[in-house]
């Protein structure tokens, strides 16, 4: 079976000249829930942004969903099919209310108002956020914003989830619900987190980014 996402010899440097990725090779297959670990500044978030086309590698290839992705137009489809949940939810939420934030993506994909209403309702229920539907987004708590950011991505019904520190600001019960949710979802995932208990409960594989390369870790 062909991989969903394949990275081959990926190199990336910041504008300062600092080399972050030095030949990353990686395969994400259907059903994988991959824990992406590494020290602060190792380039984990950068790697997720490269997969989503928000950064451009210096060299190497990104294959996603059966095609090589090089230019901006190549990644428009990838961003729908591989939903990135940013580390800071304020980078993701911009509509007045929670329901409007969830509706934004499906509406831009050409869904009808009726379809969008069903998607929003279903997604809010899945994440136990129905009570927040009409709340003003920027007045939510940090943990609530994080879950709403995840919900906006889930509303697009992606094939892959790219999750950057998804447990930040979540209380214990909400973390437990997130663990139960993620382990039941069909999507393949790449999960960046420093919460090892969370990763041990959710991930099926673990890779570590160290000195610019990815190393598979023993289960």
Protein backbone atom coordinates (compact mmCIF):
# COMPACT_ATOMS: atom_id res chain seq x y z
CA UNK A 1 0.00 0.00 0.00
CA UNK A 2 1.36 3.44 -0.93
CA UNK A 3 2.11 5.76 1.97
CA UNK A 4 -0.11 8.76 2.60
CA UNK A 5 2.87 11.06 3.14
CA UNK A 6 6.49 10.39 2.25
CA UNK A 7 9.45 12.69 2.93
CA UNK A 8 12.68 11.99 1.09
CA UNK A 9 15.98 13.65 1.91
CA UNK A 10 14.34 16.78 3.32
CA UNK A 11 16.67 19.66 4.19
CA UNK A 12 15.58 22.95 5.75
CA UNK A 13 17.44 25.97 7.11
CA UNK A 14 16.09 29.07 8.81
CA UNK A 15 16.79 32.48 7.29
CA UNK A 16 19.54 32.90 9.91
CA UNK A 17 21.37 30.04 8.25
CA UNK A 18 20.73 27.55 11.06
CA UNK A 19 20.30 24.05 9.63
CA UNK A 20 17.28 22.36 11.20
CA UNK A 21 16.57 19.36 8.97
CA UNK A 22 19.51 17.54 7.44
CA UNK A 23 18.06 14.82 5.25
CA UNK A 24 14.80 13.70 6.84
CA UNK A 25 13.21 10.52 5.50
CA UNK A 26 9.75 9.53 6.76
CA UNK A 27 6.69 7.51 5.80
CA UNK A 28 3.16 7.91 7.15
CA UNK A 29 0.84 5.04 6.34
CA UNK A 30 -2.88 4.55 6.83
CA UNK A 31 -3.67 3.80 10.47
CA UNK A 32 -0.39 5.22 11.80
CA UNK A 33 -0.48 7.46 14.86
CA UNK A 34 3.09 8.68 15.00
CA UNK A 35 4.58 10.43 18.03
CA UNK A 36 7.11 13.01 16.83
CA UNK A 37 9.46 13.81 19.71
CA UNK A 38 12.66 15.80 20.14
CA UNK A 39 14.12 18.65 22.13
CA UNK A 40 12.86 22.22 21.98
CA UNK A 41 14.04 23.84 18.77
CA UNK A 42 14.72 20.51 17.05
CA UNK A 43 12.36 21.42 14.20
CA UNK A 44 9.26 19.38 15.01
CA UNK A 45 6.77 22.17 14.29
CA UNK A 46 8.76 23.12 11.20
CA UNK A 47 8.41 19.57 9.90
CA UNK A 48 4.62 19.72 10.23
CA UNK A 49 4.58 23.07 8.42
CA UNK A 50 6.69 21.64 5.60
CA UNK A 51 4.25 18.76 5.14
CA UNK A 52 1.43 21.31 4.92
CA UNK A 53 3.31 23.57 2.51
CA UNK A 54 3.62 26.48 4.95
CA UNK A 55 7.41 26.28 4.72
CA UNK A 56 9.54 25.36 1.71
CA UNK A 57 12.41 22.87 1.99
CA UNK A 58 15.87 23.76 0.71
CA UNK A 59 16.03 20.35 -0.95
CA UNK A 60 14.36 16.97 -0.89
CA UNK A 61 10.88 15.83 -1.89
CA UNK A 62 7.47 15.80 -0.27
CA UNK A 63 5.06 13.16 -1.59
CA UNK A 64 1.50 13.44 -0.31
CA UNK A 65 -1.57 11.47 -1.35
CA UNK A 66 0.06 9.99 -4.43
CA UNK A 67 1.73 13.09 -5.87
CA UNK A 68 4.94 15.08 -5.50
CA UNK A 69 4.18 18.47 -3.92
CA UNK A 70 6.48 21.35 -4.84
CA UNK A 71 4.57 24.57 -5.46
CA UNK A 72 1.92 26.46 -3.52
CA UNK A 73 -0.85 25.19 -5.80
CA UNK A 74 0.23 21.60 -5.06
CA UNK A 75 -0.39 22.09 -1.34
CA UNK A 76 -3.91 23.53 -1.49
CA UNK A 77 -5.30 20.01 -1.72
CA UNK A 78 -2.87 18.76 0.95
CA UNK A 79 -4.07 21.34 3.50
CA UNK A 80 -7.60 19.98 3.24
CA UNK A 81 -6.56 16.33 3.37
CA UNK A 82 -3.87 16.77 6.05
CA UNK A 83 -5.30 19.11 8.68
CA UNK A 84 -2.73 20.98 10.78
CA UNK A 85 -3.69 22.04 14.31
CA UNK A 86 -1.27 24.78 15.30
CA UNK A 87 0.51 24.91 18.64
CA UNK A 88 -1.09 28.31 19.32
CA UNK A 89 -4.86 28.15 18.69
CA UNK A 90 -5.02 31.94 18.30
CA UNK A 91 -3.20 31.44 14.98
CA UNK A 92 -6.14 29.31 13.80
CA UNK A 93 -9.30 30.95 15.12
CA UNK A 94 -10.51 34.20 13.59
CA UNK A 95 -14.32 34.14 13.29
CA UNK A 96 -16.61 35.80 15.87
CA UNK A 97 -18.16 32.60 17.23
CA UNK A 98 -17.18 28.97 17.60
CA UNK A 99 -19.84 27.73 15.17
CA UNK A 100 -18.70 30.24 12.55
CA UNK A 101 -15.09 29.12 12.93
CA UNK A 102 -16.13 25.51 12.31
CA UNK A 103 -18.30 26.48 9.35
CA UNK A 104 -15.64 28.55 7.59
CA UNK A 105 -13.67 25.67 6.07
CA UNK A 106 -16.58 23.57 4.80
CA UNK A 107 -18.23 26.67 3.30
CA UNK A 108 -15.02 27.46 1.41
CA UNK A 109 -15.05 23.91 0.05
CA UNK A 110 -18.43 24.60 -1.51
CA UNK A 111 -20.63 22.71 0.94
CA UNK A 112 -24.25 23.81 1.11
CA UNK A 113 -25.56 25.62 4.19
CA UNK A 114 -27.50 22.50 5.16
CA UNK A 115 -24.42 20.29 4.83
CA UNK A 116 -22.32 22.75 6.80
CA UNK A 117 -24.89 22.88 9.59
CA UNK A 118 -24.80 19.09 9.87
CA UNK A 119 -20.98 19.02 9.84
CA UNK A 120 -20.73 21.70 12.53
CA UNK A 121 -23.26 19.96 14.76
CA UNK A 122 -21.62 16.56 14.32
CA UNK A 123 -18.14 17.90 15.00
CA UNK A 124 -19.18 19.85 18.09
CA UNK A 125 -20.85 16.74 19.46
CA UNK A 126 -17.80 14.59 18.74
CA UNK A 127 -15.58 16.91 20.76
CA UNK A 128 -18.24 17.62 23.43
CA UNK A 129 -18.28 21.31 22.52
CA UNK A 130 -21.99 21.81 21.81
CA UNK A 131 -22.26 24.24 24.75
CA UNK A 132 -19.67 26.51 23.12
CA UNK A 133 -21.34 26.82 19.71
CA UNK A 134 -22.48 30.42 20.14
CA UNK A 135 -19.63 31.58 22.39
CA UNK A 136 -17.31 34.39 21.28
CA UNK A 137 -14.13 32.57 20.30
CA UNK A 138 -11.55 35.03 21.62
CA UNK A 139 -13.17 34.94 25.08
CA UNK A 140 -12.68 31.18 25.51
CA UNK A 141 -10.11 29.68 27.87
CA UNK A 142 -6.83 28.38 26.46
CA UNK A 143 -7.98 24.77 26.69
CA UNK A 144 -11.33 25.54 25.05
CA UNK A 145 -9.59 27.35 22.19
CA UNK A 146 -7.31 24.34 21.67
CA UNK A 147 -10.28 21.99 21.32
CA UNK A 148 -12.10 24.40 19.01
CA UNK A 149 -8.99 24.64 16.83
CA UNK A 150 -9.01 20.83 16.57
CA UNK A 151 -12.72 20.96 15.76
CA UNK A 152 -12.16 23.41 12.87
CA UNK A 153 -9.76 20.92 11.33
CA UNK A 154 -12.03 17.93 12.01
CA UNK A 155 -14.88 19.78 10.25
CA UNK A 156 -12.91 19.46 7.00
CA UNK A 157 -13.00 15.65 7.40
CA UNK A 158 -9.27 15.22 6.65
CA UNK A 159 -7.48 11.94 6.00
CA UNK A 160 -4.49 12.93 8.17
CA UNK A 161 -4.20 14.97 11.37
CA UNK A 162 -1.05 16.95 12.15
CA UNK A 163 -1.26 17.85 15.85
CA UNK A 164 1.20 20.27 17.46
CA UNK A 165 1.14 19.99 21.28
CA UNK A 166 -2.59 19.10 21.43
CA UNK A 167 -2.71 18.65 25.23
CA UNK A 168 -1.42 22.10 26.21
CA UNK A 169 -3.85 23.92 28.57
CA UNK A 170 -6.14 20.88 28.89
CA UNK A 171 -7.29 19.62 32.30
CA UNK A 172 -7.03 15.94 33.22
CA UNK A 173 -10.57 14.96 32.24
CA UNK A 174 -10.32 16.73 28.88
CA UNK A 175 -6.98 15.05 28.17
CA UNK A 176 -8.58 11.69 28.88
CA UNK A 177 -11.43 12.48 26.49
CA UNK A 178 -8.91 13.54 23.84
CA UNK A 179 -7.03 10.25 24.27
CA UNK A 180 -10.25 8.29 23.84
CA UNK A 181 -11.22 10.35 20.80
CA UNK A 182 -7.89 10.13 18.99
CA UNK A 183 -7.53 6.38 19.50
CA UNK A 184 -10.98 5.84 17.95
CA UNK A 185 -10.57 8.13 14.94
CA UNK A 186 -9.71 6.51 11.58
CA UNK A 187 -7.29 9.25 10.48
CA UNK A 188 -3.54 8.72 10.39
CA UNK A 189 -1.76 11.21 12.65
CA UNK A 190 1.54 12.85 13.41
CA UNK A 191 1.53 14.14 16.98
CA UNK A 192 4.08 16.53 18.45
CA UNK A 193 3.98 16.50 22.24
CA UNK A 194 6.19 16.58 25.32
CA UNK A 195 3.50 14.70 27.26
CA UNK A 196 4.90 11.17 27.24
CA UNK A 197 1.96 9.66 29.10
CA UNK A 198 -0.36 11.03 26.42
CA UNK A 199 1.86 9.75 23.59
CA UNK A 200 2.18 6.31 25.17
CA UNK A 201 -1.61 6.05 25.24
CA UNK A 202 -2.24 7.31 21.71
CA UNK A 203 0.73 6.61 19.44
CA UNK A 204 1.37 3.40 17.51
CA UNK A 205 4.89 4.49 16.50
CA UNK A 206 7.46 6.96 17.76
CA UNK A 207 10.14 8.86 15.87
CA UNK A 208 12.65 11.28 17.36
CA UNK A 209 14.02 14.32 15.57
CA UNK A 210 17.62 14.75 16.65
CA UNK A 211 20.45 16.68 14.99
CA UNK A 212 18.33 17.19 11.90
CA UNK A 213 17.39 13.57 11.19
CA UNK A 214 14.51 11.31 12.19
CA UNK A 215 15.18 8.09 14.05
CA UNK A 216 12.57 5.38 14.61
CA UNK A 217 12.22 4.55 18.32
CA UNK A 218 11.54 1.16 19.80
CA UNK A 219 7.95 0.59 20.95
